[in-house]
Amino acid sequence: MILPIRAFGDAVLRKMCHDITPDYPELKTLIDNMFETMQSASGIGLAAPQVGLDIRLFVVDVSPLAEDEDYADIAEDLRDFRKVFINAKILEESGEEWKFNEGCLSIPDVREDVKRKETIKIEYFDENFVKHTDTFSDMRARVIQHEYDHIDGILFTDHLSALKKKLVKGKLMKISHGDVAVNYKMRFPK
């Protein structure tokens, strides 16, 4: 089932999310719905707050990037990178910071350069509540960091300079009032 994506301004996007247990109600259905919602909106990551839940859960599927010639050198790493992250905790960020033009399904029509470290070490549970500690680099690390921010109540626009924040403020206000055209289901703040 496709869920409505919460728009900028919704209070749930600013919440510090809480851990869940393996007996979380309808967890498998929720994960399936999040993947379906993300894919229907042409996204590559989606966090639980974006569908209205303040829990530490996000899904990532960067396989669509494997077909993009910009990622030809890492296409094989991206092709099968579809993962569920539950109760994730980034243990370490390392490497050079690199800029990339990010966007967000909760903030349509806004894209800005964001600096992030190139490699992360992260501890998390998968959809079967098996614990993992993995290291990821390149676009995989970037997407994970973006989604991880969501479960800490942080949006990519929070990483912008004061000037950039000022420049996008008008767009953000329009989004929060529902004044944006998208081709996916959204829920705007009341």
N, C-alpha and C. Protein backbone atom coordinates (compact mmCIF):
# COMPACT_ATOMS: atom_id res chain seq x y z
N MET A 1 0.84 -1.18 0.00
CA MET A 1 0.00 0.00 0.00
C MET A 1 0.89 1.25 0.00
N ILE A 2 0.54 2.18 -0.84
CA ILE A 2 1.29 3.43 -0.92
C ILE A 2 0.80 4.37 0.18
N LEU A 3 1.75 4.83 0.98
CA LEU A 3 1.45 5.72 2.10
C LEU A 3 1.70 7.17 1.71
N PRO A 4 0.96 8.11 2.30
CA PRO A 4 1.26 9.52 2.02
C PRO A 4 2.57 9.94 2.67
N ILE A 5 3.37 10.68 1.93
CA ILE A 5 4.65 11.18 2.44
C ILE A 5 4.41 12.51 3.11
N ARG A 6 4.92 12.64 4.33
CA ARG A 6 4.74 13.87 5.10
C ARG A 6 5.61 14.98 4.50
N ALA A 7 5.01 16.14 4.38
CA ALA A 7 5.68 17.30 3.78
C ALA A 7 6.41 18.12 4.84
N PHE A 8 7.39 18.88 4.36
CA PHE A 8 8.12 19.82 5.21
C PHE A 8 7.13 20.60 6.05
N GLY A 9 7.44 20.75 7.33
CA GLY A 9 6.56 21.47 8.24
C GLY A 9 5.79 20.54 9.16
N ASP A 10 5.68 19.27 8.79
CA ASP A 10 5.01 18.29 9.64
C ASP A 10 5.90 18.03 10.86
N ALA A 11 5.32 18.10 12.04
CA ALA A 11 6.08 17.97 13.29
C ALA A 11 6.82 16.64 13.41
N VAL A 12 6.31 15.57 12.83
CA VAL A 12 6.96 14.26 12.96
C VAL A 12 8.34 14.26 12.31
N LEU A 13 8.56 15.12 11.33
CA LEU A 13 9.86 15.18 10.66
C LEU A 13 10.95 15.77 11.56
N ARG A 14 10.57 16.36 12.66
CA ARG A 14 11.53 16.97 13.59
C ARG A 14 11.70 16.19 14.87
N LYS A 15 11.06 15.04 14.96
CA LYS A 15 11.14 14.23 16.18
C LYS A 15 12.38 13.36 16.19
N MET A 16 12.96 13.21 17.37
CA MET A 16 13.99 12.21 17.60
C MET A 16 13.24 10.90 17.76
N CYS A 17 13.48 9.98 16.87
CA CYS A 17 12.70 8.73 16.85
C CYS A 17 13.20 7.74 17.89
N HIS A 18 12.31 6.80 18.22
CA HIS A 18 12.65 5.82 19.25
C HIS A 18 12.83 4.42 18.64
N ASP A 19 13.63 3.61 19.33
CA ASP A 19 13.88 2.24 18.91
C ASP A 19 12.59 1.42 18.95
N ILE A 20 12.59 0.35 18.15
CA ILE A 20 11.47 -0.58 18.18
C ILE A 20 11.99 -1.98 18.51
N THR A 21 11.07 -2.88 18.81
CA THR A 21 11.41 -4.26 19.13
C THR A 21 10.90 -5.16 18.01
N PRO A 22 11.36 -6.41 18.00
CA PRO A 22 10.94 -7.33 16.93
C PRO A 22 9.42 -7.55 16.86
N ASP A 23 8.71 -7.29 17.97
CA ASP A 23 7.26 -7.50 17.97
C ASP A 23 6.48 -6.23 17.59
N TYR A 24 7.17 -5.25 16.97
CA TYR A 24 6.47 -4.04 16.53
C TYR A 24 5.31 -4.48 15.62
N PRO A 25 4.11 -3.95 15.85
CA PRO A 25 2.94 -4.39 15.09
C PRO A 25 3.09 -4.21 13.58
N GLU A 26 2.80 -5.28 12.85
CA GLU A 26 2.76 -5.24 11.38
C GLU A 26 4.06 -4.73 10.76
N LEU A 27 5.20 -5.07 11.35
CA LEU A 27 6.49 -4.55 10.89
C LEU A 27 6.77 -4.93 9.43
N LYS A 28 6.55 -6.18 9.07
CA LYS A 28 6.82 -6.61 7.70
C LYS A 28 5.95 -5.84 6.71
N THR A 29 4.69 -5.66 7.04
CA THR A 29 3.77 -4.91 6.17
C THR A 29 4.23 -3.46 6.05
N LEU A 30 4.63 -2.87 7.16
CA LEU A 30 5.12 -1.49 7.13
C LEU A 30 6.34 -1.37 6.22
N ILE A 31 7.29 -2.29 6.35
CA ILE A 31 8.50 -2.25 5.52
C ILE A 31 8.13 -2.39 4.04
N ASP A 32 7.25 -3.34 3.73
CA ASP A 32 6.80 -3.51 2.34
C ASP A 32 6.14 -2.24 1.82
N ASN A 33 5.29 -1.64 2.65
CA ASN A 33 4.60 -0.40 2.25
C ASN A 33 5.58 0.75 2.05
N MET A 34 6.62 0.80 2.89
CA MET A 34 7.62 1.87 2.73
C MET A 34 8.39 1.71 1.42
N PHE A 35 8.78 0.49 1.08
CA PHE A 35 9.46 0.26 -0.20
C PHE A 35 8.54 0.64 -1.36
N GLU A 36 7.29 0.23 -1.29
CA GLU A 36 6.34 0.54 -2.36
C GLU A 36 6.13 2.05 -2.49
N THR A 37 6.00 2.72 -1.35
CA THR A 37 5.82 4.18 -1.34
C THR A 37 7.03 4.88 -1.94
N MET A 38 8.22 4.47 -1.52
CA MET A 38 9.47 5.06 -2.02
C MET A 38 9.58 4.87 -3.52
N GLN A 39 9.34 3.67 -3.99
CA GLN A 39 9.48 3.39 -5.42
C GLN A 39 8.44 4.13 -6.25
N SER A 40 7.22 4.25 -5.74
CA SER A 40 6.18 4.95 -6.50
C SER A 40 6.49 6.45 -6.62
N ALA A 41 7.29 6.96 -5.69
CA ALA A 41 7.69 8.37 -5.71
C ALA A 41 9.06 8.57 -6.36
N SER A 42 9.62 7.48 -6.93
CA SER A 42 10.94 7.51 -7.56
C SER A 42 12.04 7.93 -6.60
N GLY A 43 11.93 7.47 -5.36
CA GLY A 43 12.95 7.75 -4.36
C GLY A 43 13.93 6.61 -4.24
N ILE A 44 15.02 6.87 -3.52
CA ILE A 44 16.02 5.83 -3.26
C ILE A 44 16.21 5.59 -1.77
N GLY A 45 15.44 6.29 -0.96
CA GLY A 45 15.47 6.12 0.49
C GLY A 45 14.21 6.70 1.09
N LEU A 46 13.76 6.11 2.19
CA LEU A 46 12.56 6.62 2.87
C LEU A 46 12.66 6.23 4.34
N ALA A 47 12.43 7.20 5.21
CA ALA A 47 12.49 6.97 6.65
C ALA A 47 11.08 7.00 7.24
N ALA A 48 10.90 6.27 8.33
CA ALA A 48 9.59 6.16 8.97
C ALA A 48 8.94 7.52 9.28
N PRO A 49 9.69 8.54 9.74
CA PRO A 49 9.03 9.82 9.98
C PRO A 49 8.36 10.39 8.72
N GLN A 50 8.89 10.05 7.57
CA GLN A 50 8.32 10.56 6.32
C GLN A 50 6.96 9.95 6.02
N VAL A 51 6.63 8.86 6.71
CA VAL A 51 5.29 8.30 6.58
C VAL A 51 4.53 8.42 7.90
N GLY A 52 5.00 9.33 8.76
CA GLY A 52 4.26 9.69 9.96
C GLY A 52 4.57 8.92 11.22
N LEU A 53 5.64 8.12 11.23
CA LEU A 53 5.96 7.31 12.40
C LEU A 53 7.30 7.73 13.01
N ASP A 54 7.30 7.96 14.31
CA ASP A 54 8.53 8.41 14.97
C ASP A 54 9.31 7.21 15.52
N ILE A 55 9.66 6.30 14.60
CA ILE A 55 10.43 5.11 14.96
C ILE A 55 11.72 5.08 14.14
N ARG A 56 12.73 4.39 14.68
CA ARG A 56 14.05 4.34 14.05
C ARG A 56 14.09 3.23 13.00
N LEU A 57 13.50 3.55 11.86
CA LEU A 57 13.40 2.63 10.74
C LEU A 57 13.54 3.41 9.45
N PHE A 58 14.39 2.93 8.54
CA PHE A 58 14.41 3.48 7.19
C PHE A 58 14.78 2.40 6.20
N VAL A 59 14.38 2.64 4.96
CA VAL A 59 14.67 1.69 3.87
C VAL A 59 15.45 2.42 2.79
N VAL A 60 16.30 1.67 2.11
CA VAL A 60 17.15 2.23 1.05
C VAL A 60 17.16 1.25 -0.12
N ASP A 61 17.02 1.79 -1.32
CA ASP A 61 17.19 0.99 -2.54
C ASP A 61 17.84 1.88 -3.58
N VAL A 62 19.16 1.76 -3.70
CA VAL A 62 19.90 2.60 -4.65
C VAL A 62 20.09 1.93 -6.00
N SER A 63 19.46 0.78 -6.21
CA SER A 63 19.64 0.06 -7.48
C SER A 63 19.30 0.90 -8.72
N PRO A 64 18.34 1.83 -8.67
CA PRO A 64 18.11 2.65 -9.87
C PRO A 64 19.34 3.45 -10.31
N LEU A 65 20.23 3.77 -9.38
CA LEU A 65 21.44 4.52 -9.72
C LEU A 65 22.43 3.68 -10.52
N ALA A 66 22.32 2.37 -10.45
CA ALA A 66 23.26 1.48 -11.16
C ALA A 66 23.16 1.67 -12.67
N GLU A 67 22.02 2.17 -13.14
CA GLU A 67 21.83 2.37 -14.58
C GLU A 67 22.32 3.75 -15.03
N ASP A 68 22.66 4.61 -14.08
CA ASP A 68 23.10 5.97 -14.40
C ASP A 68 24.60 5.95 -14.73
N GLU A 69 24.95 6.51 -15.87
CA GLU A 69 26.37 6.48 -16.31
C GLU A 69 27.29 7.21 -15.33
N ASP A 70 26.76 8.14 -14.53
CA ASP A 70 27.58 8.83 -13.54
C ASP A 70 28.12 7.88 -12.47
N TYR A 71 27.48 6.74 -12.32
CA TYR A 71 27.87 5.78 -11.28
C TYR A 71 28.39 4.48 -11.89
N ALA A 72 28.84 4.52 -13.12
CA ALA A 72 29.30 3.31 -13.82
C ALA A 72 30.41 2.59 -13.04
N ASP A 73 31.29 3.34 -12.38
CA ASP A 73 32.41 2.72 -11.67
C ASP A 73 31.98 1.96 -10.41
N ILE A 74 30.78 2.25 -9.89
CA ILE A 74 30.30 1.54 -8.70
C ILE A 74 28.95 0.85 -8.96
N ALA A 75 28.60 0.71 -10.23
CA ALA A 75 27.29 0.16 -10.60
C ALA A 75 27.02 -1.19 -9.94
N GLU A 76 28.01 -2.05 -9.90
CA GLU A 76 27.81 -3.38 -9.31
C GLU A 76 27.50 -3.28 -7.81
N ASP A 77 28.13 -2.34 -7.12
CA ASP A 77 27.87 -2.15 -5.69
C ASP A 77 26.45 -1.63 -5.45
N LEU A 78 25.94 -0.85 -6.41
CA LEU A 78 24.63 -0.25 -6.25
C LEU A 78 23.49 -1.18 -6.67
N ARG A 79 23.76 -2.02 -7.65
CA ARG A 79 22.72 -2.83 -8.29
C ARG A 79 21.84 -3.61 -7.30
N ASP A 80 22.44 -4.21 -6.31
CA ASP A 80 21.68 -5.03 -5.36
C ASP A 80 21.60 -4.42 -3.97
N PHE A 81 21.76 -3.11 -3.89
CA PHE A 81 21.79 -2.46 -2.57
C PHE A 81 20.38 -2.02 -2.18
N ARG A 82 19.65 -2.95 -1.61
CA ARG A 82 18.29 -2.72 -1.11
C ARG A 82 18.30 -3.23 0.32
N LYS A 83 18.16 -2.31 1.28
CA LYS A 83 18.32 -2.69 2.68
C LYS A 83 17.30 -2.01 3.58
N VAL A 84 17.08 -2.68 4.71
CA VAL A 84 16.25 -2.16 5.79
C VAL A 84 17.17 -1.89 6.96
N PHE A 85 17.00 -0.73 7.58
CA PHE A 85 17.80 -0.33 8.74
C PHE A 85 16.86 -0.05 9.91
N ILE A 86 16.97 -0.87 10.95
CA ILE A 86 16.14 -0.71 12.14
C ILE A 86 17.06 -0.40 13.33
N ASN A 87 16.67 0.61 14.11
CA ASN A 87 17.43 1.02 15.31
C ASN A 87 18.89 1.29 14.98
N ALA A 88 19.11 1.92 13.84
CA ALA A 88 20.48 2.17 13.36
C ALA A 88 21.21 3.16 14.26
N LYS A 89 22.52 2.95 14.29
CA LYS A 89 23.40 3.87 15.02
C LYS A 89 24.69 4.00 14.22
N ILE A 90 24.98 5.21 13.74
CA ILE A 90 26.24 5.43 13.04
C ILE A 90 27.34 5.47 14.09
N LEU A 91 28.31 4.59 13.93
CA LEU A 91 29.41 4.47 14.88
C LEU A 91 30.59 5.35 14.51
N GLU A 92 30.76 5.58 13.21
CA GLU A 92 31.92 6.34 12.75
C GLU A 92 31.65 6.91 11.35
N GLU A 93 32.11 8.13 11.14
CA GLU A 93 32.12 8.74 9.81
C GLU A 93 33.56 9.07 9.51
N SER A 94 34.02 8.74 8.30
CA SER A 94 35.42 8.98 7.98
C SER A 94 35.58 9.36 6.52
N GLY A 95 36.82 9.71 6.18
CA GLY A 95 37.13 10.09 4.80
C GLY A 95 36.88 11.57 4.57
N GLU A 96 37.07 11.95 3.33
CA GLU A 96 36.87 13.34 2.93
C GLU A 96 35.38 13.68 2.90
N GLU A 97 35.08 14.94 3.17
CA GLU A 97 33.72 15.41 2.94
C GLU A 97 33.57 15.70 1.46
N TRP A 98 32.43 15.33 0.90
CA TRP A 98 32.19 15.63 -0.50
C TRP A 98 30.78 16.16 -0.68
N LYS A 99 30.68 17.09 -1.61
CA LYS A 99 29.39 17.73 -1.88
C LYS A 99 28.62 16.91 -2.90
N PHE A 100 27.31 16.90 -2.70
CA PHE A 100 26.43 16.27 -3.67
C PHE A 100 25.09 16.99 -3.59
N ASN A 101 24.45 17.12 -4.71
CA ASN A 101 23.17 17.80 -4.79
C ASN A 101 22.06 16.86 -4.32
N GLU A 102 21.56 17.11 -3.12
CA GLU A 102 20.55 16.24 -2.51
C GLU A 102 19.16 16.82 -2.64
N GLY A 103 18.21 15.92 -2.61
CA GLY A 103 16.79 16.27 -2.57
C GLY A 103 16.12 15.37 -1.56
N CYS A 104 14.82 15.53 -1.39
CA CYS A 104 14.09 14.76 -0.38
C CYS A 104 12.63 14.67 -0.79
N LEU A 105 12.04 13.50 -0.65
CA LEU A 105 10.63 13.33 -1.00
C LEU A 105 9.71 14.20 -0.14
N SER A 106 10.14 14.55 1.06
CA SER A 106 9.34 15.42 1.94
C SER A 106 9.52 16.90 1.60
N ILE A 107 10.50 17.19 0.76
CA ILE A 107 10.80 18.58 0.39
C ILE A 107 10.91 18.65 -1.14
N PRO A 108 9.80 18.42 -1.84
CA PRO A 108 9.87 18.37 -3.31
C PRO A 108 10.31 19.70 -3.91
N ASP A 109 10.98 19.59 -5.04
CA ASP A 109 11.42 20.77 -5.82
C ASP A 109 12.51 21.59 -5.15
N VAL A 110 13.14 21.07 -4.13
CA VAL A 110 14.27 21.75 -3.50
C VAL A 110 15.45 20.79 -3.56
N ARG A 111 16.52 21.23 -4.19
CA ARG A 111 17.75 20.45 -4.27
C ARG A 111 18.91 21.39 -3.97
N GLU A 112 19.81 20.93 -3.10
CA GLU A 112 20.96 21.76 -2.75
C GLU A 112 22.16 20.85 -2.47
N ASP A 113 23.35 21.43 -2.61
CA ASP A 113 24.58 20.70 -2.30
C ASP A 113 24.73 20.54 -0.80
N VAL A 114 25.04 19.32 -0.39
CA VAL A 114 25.25 18.99 1.01
C VAL A 114 26.58 18.26 1.12
N LYS A 115 27.38 18.64 2.13
CA LYS A 115 28.65 17.95 2.39
C LYS A 115 28.41 16.82 3.38
N ARG A 116 28.95 15.65 3.03
CA ARG A 116 28.89 14.50 3.93
C ARG A 116 30.20 13.73 3.82
N LYS A 117 30.56 13.01 4.86
CA LYS A 117 31.75 12.16 4.84
C LYS A 117 31.53 11.02 3.86
N GLU A 118 32.62 10.53 3.27
CA GLU A 118 32.50 9.51 2.22
C GLU A 118 32.27 8.09 2.73
N THR A 119 32.60 7.81 3.99
CA THR A 119 32.48 6.45 4.51
C THR A 119 31.84 6.48 5.90
N ILE A 120 30.98 5.50 6.16
CA ILE A 120 30.37 5.36 7.49
C ILE A 120 30.47 3.92 7.96
N LYS A 121 30.52 3.78 9.27
CA LYS A 121 30.39 2.47 9.92
C LYS A 121 29.09 2.55 10.72
N ILE A 122 28.20 1.60 10.49
CA ILE A 122 26.86 1.68 11.08
C ILE A 122 26.45 0.33 11.66
N GLU A 123 25.78 0.40 12.79
CA GLU A 123 25.22 -0.78 13.45
C GLU A 123 23.71 -0.70 13.29
N TYR A 124 23.06 -1.81 12.94
CA TYR A 124 21.62 -1.79 12.70
C TYR A 124 21.08 -3.22 12.71
N PHE A 125 19.77 -3.31 12.77
CA PHE A 125 19.09 -4.59 12.62
C PHE A 125 18.42 -4.60 11.25
N ASP A 126 18.39 -5.76 10.60
CA ASP A 126 17.68 -5.87 9.33
C ASP A 126 16.22 -6.21 9.61
N GLU A 127 15.46 -6.50 8.55
CA GLU A 127 14.02 -6.76 8.68
C GLU A 127 13.72 -8.02 9.49
N ASN A 128 14.69 -8.90 9.66
CA ASN A 128 14.51 -10.10 10.47
C ASN A 128 15.08 -9.93 11.88
N PHE A 129 15.44 -8.73 12.22
CA PHE A 129 16.05 -8.36 13.50
C PHE A 129 17.36 -9.10 13.74
N VAL A 130 18.12 -9.25 12.66
CA VAL A 130 19.48 -9.75 12.75
C VAL A 130 20.38 -8.52 12.82
N LYS A 131 21.28 -8.50 13.80
CA LYS A 131 22.15 -7.35 14.01
C LYS A 131 23.33 -7.38 13.05
N HIS A 132 23.66 -6.22 12.49
CA HIS A 132 24.78 -6.07 11.57
C HIS A 132 25.62 -4.87 11.99
N THR A 133 26.90 -4.93 11.71
CA THR A 133 27.79 -3.77 11.77
C THR A 133 28.52 -3.78 10.44
N ASP A 134 28.25 -2.76 9.63
CA ASP A 134 28.81 -2.70 8.27
C ASP A 134 29.44 -1.34 8.01
N THR A 135 30.32 -1.33 7.03
CA THR A 135 30.94 -0.09 6.56
C THR A 135 30.50 0.12 5.11
N PHE A 136 30.05 1.34 4.82
CA PHE A 136 29.59 1.69 3.48
C PHE A 136 30.27 2.97 3.04
N SER A 137 30.50 3.06 1.73
CA SER A 137 31.10 4.26 1.15
C SER A 137 30.27 4.71 -0.04
N ASP A 138 30.71 5.78 -0.66
CA ASP A 138 30.13 6.35 -1.88
C ASP A 138 28.66 6.71 -1.71
N MET A 139 27.85 6.52 -2.74
CA MET A 139 26.44 6.91 -2.68
C MET A 139 25.66 6.13 -1.64
N ARG A 140 26.08 4.92 -1.39
CA ARG A 140 25.40 4.13 -0.35
C ARG A 140 25.52 4.84 0.99
N ALA A 141 26.72 5.30 1.34
CA ALA A 141 26.92 6.01 2.61
C ALA A 141 26.11 7.30 2.64
N ARG A 142 26.09 8.02 1.53
CA ARG A 142 25.36 9.29 1.47
C ARG A 142 23.87 9.08 1.70
N VAL A 143 23.28 8.12 1.02
CA VAL A 143 21.84 7.87 1.17
C VAL A 143 21.53 7.42 2.59
N ILE A 144 22.36 6.56 3.14
CA ILE A 144 22.16 6.11 4.52
C ILE A 144 22.25 7.30 5.48
N GLN A 145 23.23 8.18 5.30
CA GLN A 145 23.37 9.35 6.18
C GLN A 145 22.15 10.26 6.07
N HIS A 146 21.64 10.44 4.85
CA HIS A 146 20.45 11.29 4.64
C HIS A 146 19.26 10.69 5.40
N GLU A 147 19.04 9.39 5.23
CA GLU A 147 17.89 8.75 5.90
C GLU A 147 18.10 8.68 7.41
N TYR A 148 19.33 8.45 7.83
CA TYR A 148 19.66 8.42 9.26
C TYR A 148 19.33 9.78 9.90
N ASP A 149 19.64 10.84 9.19
CA ASP A 149 19.29 12.17 9.70
C ASP A 149 17.80 12.25 10.01
N HIS A 150 16.96 11.69 9.14
CA HIS A 150 15.51 11.73 9.36
C HIS A 150 15.11 11.13 10.70
N ILE A 151 15.74 10.03 11.09
CA ILE A 151 15.33 9.40 12.36
C ILE A 151 15.87 10.16 13.57
N ASP A 152 16.73 11.14 13.31
CA ASP A 152 17.20 12.05 14.36
C ASP A 152 16.52 13.42 14.27
N GLY A 153 15.50 13.54 13.42
CA GLY A 153 14.76 14.80 13.29
C GLY A 153 15.49 15.87 12.50
N ILE A 154 16.42 15.47 11.66
CA ILE A 154 17.23 16.40 10.87
C ILE A 154 16.87 16.28 9.40
N LEU A 155 16.74 17.41 8.72
CA LEU A 155 16.48 17.43 7.29
C LEU A 155 17.72 17.91 6.55
N PHE A 156 17.84 17.55 5.28
CA PHE A 156 19.04 17.94 4.55
C PHE A 156 19.20 19.45 4.49
N THR A 157 18.12 20.19 4.56
CA THR A 157 18.19 21.66 4.54
C THR A 157 18.86 22.22 5.79
N ASP A 158 18.90 21.43 6.86
CA ASP A 158 19.58 21.86 8.08
C ASP A 158 21.09 21.94 7.89
N HIS A 159 21.61 21.26 6.88
CA HIS A 159 23.05 21.25 6.60
C HIS A 159 23.47 22.44 5.73
N LEU A 160 22.53 23.26 5.30
CA LEU A 160 22.85 24.37 4.39
C LEU A 160 23.40 25.56 5.16
N SER A 161 24.13 26.38 4.45
CA SER A 161 24.64 27.63 5.04
C SER A 161 23.46 28.56 5.34
N ALA A 162 23.71 29.54 6.17
CA ALA A 162 22.66 30.51 6.51
C ALA A 162 22.11 31.19 5.26
N LEU A 163 22.98 31.51 4.32
CA LEU A 163 22.53 32.15 3.08
C LEU A 163 21.64 31.22 2.27
N LYS A 164 22.06 29.97 2.10
CA LYS A 164 21.26 29.00 1.35
C LYS A 164 19.91 28.77 2.02
N LYS A 165 19.91 28.71 3.36
CA LYS A 165 18.65 28.53 4.09
C LYS A 165 17.70 29.69 3.80
N LYS A 166 18.26 30.89 3.75
CA LYS A 166 17.46 32.08 3.46
C LYS A 166 16.87 32.01 2.05
N LEU A 167 17.69 31.51 1.11
CA LEU A 167 17.27 31.44 -0.28
C LEU A 167 16.16 30.41 -0.51
N VAL A 168 16.13 29.33 0.27
CA VAL A 168 15.10 28.31 0.07
C VAL A 168 13.90 28.48 1.01
N LYS A 169 13.96 29.44 1.90
CA LYS A 169 12.90 29.62 2.89
C LYS A 169 11.52 29.77 2.26
N GLY A 170 11.42 30.55 1.19
CA GLY A 170 10.14 30.76 0.52
C GLY A 170 9.58 29.46 -0.05
N LYS A 171 10.45 28.66 -0.67
CA LYS A 171 10.01 27.37 -1.21
C LYS A 171 9.52 26.45 -0.10
N LEU A 172 10.25 26.46 1.02
CA LEU A 172 9.88 25.60 2.14
C LEU A 172 8.52 26.00 2.71
N MET A 173 8.27 27.29 2.78
CA MET A 173 6.97 27.76 3.28
C MET A 173 5.84 27.33 2.34
N LYS A 174 6.08 27.41 1.04
CA LYS A 174 5.07 26.97 0.08
C LYS A 174 4.77 25.48 0.24
N ILE A 175 5.82 24.69 0.40
CA ILE A 175 5.64 23.25 0.58
C ILE A 175 4.80 22.99 1.84
N SER A 176 5.14 23.66 2.93
CA SER A 176 4.43 23.43 4.20
C SER A 176 2.95 23.83 4.11
N HIS A 177 2.61 24.69 3.14
CA HIS A 177 1.22 25.10 2.93
C HIS A 177 0.53 24.29 1.82
N GLY A 178 1.25 23.31 1.27
CA GLY A 178 0.65 22.47 0.24
C GLY A 178 0.70 23.07 -1.15
N ASP A 179 1.47 24.13 -1.31
CA ASP A 179 1.56 24.82 -2.60
C ASP A 179 2.73 24.25 -3.41
N VAL A 180 2.59 22.97 -3.81
CA VAL A 180 3.63 22.30 -4.59
C VAL A 180 2.95 21.18 -5.37
N ALA A 181 3.41 20.98 -6.58
CA ALA A 181 2.85 19.91 -7.42
C ALA A 181 3.78 18.70 -7.39
N VAL A 182 3.25 17.56 -7.00
CA VAL A 182 4.02 16.31 -6.98
C VAL A 182 3.19 15.22 -7.64
N ASN A 183 3.89 14.19 -8.10
CA ASN A 183 3.18 13.07 -8.72
C ASN A 183 3.09 11.87 -7.78
N TYR A 184 3.14 12.13 -6.49
CA TYR A 184 2.97 11.08 -5.49
C TYR A 184 2.12 11.62 -4.36
N LYS A 185 1.60 10.69 -3.54
CA LYS A 185 0.70 11.05 -2.46
C LYS A 185 1.46 11.75 -1.34
N MET A 186 0.99 12.94 -0.96
CA MET A 186 1.63 13.68 0.14
C MET A 186 0.57 14.08 1.16
N ARG A 187 1.06 14.27 2.37
CA ARG A 187 0.21 14.82 3.43
C ARG A 187 0.89 16.08 3.94
N PHE A 188 0.16 17.17 3.92
CA PHE A 188 0.70 18.46 4.31
C PHE A 188 0.29 18.80 5.73
N PRO A 189 1.11 19.60 6.43
CA PRO A 189 0.76 19.99 7.80
C PRO A 189 -0.56 20.73 7.83
N LYS A 190 -1.24 20.60 8.95
CA LYS A 190 -2.54 21.29 9.10
C LYS A 190 -2.33 22.67 9.65
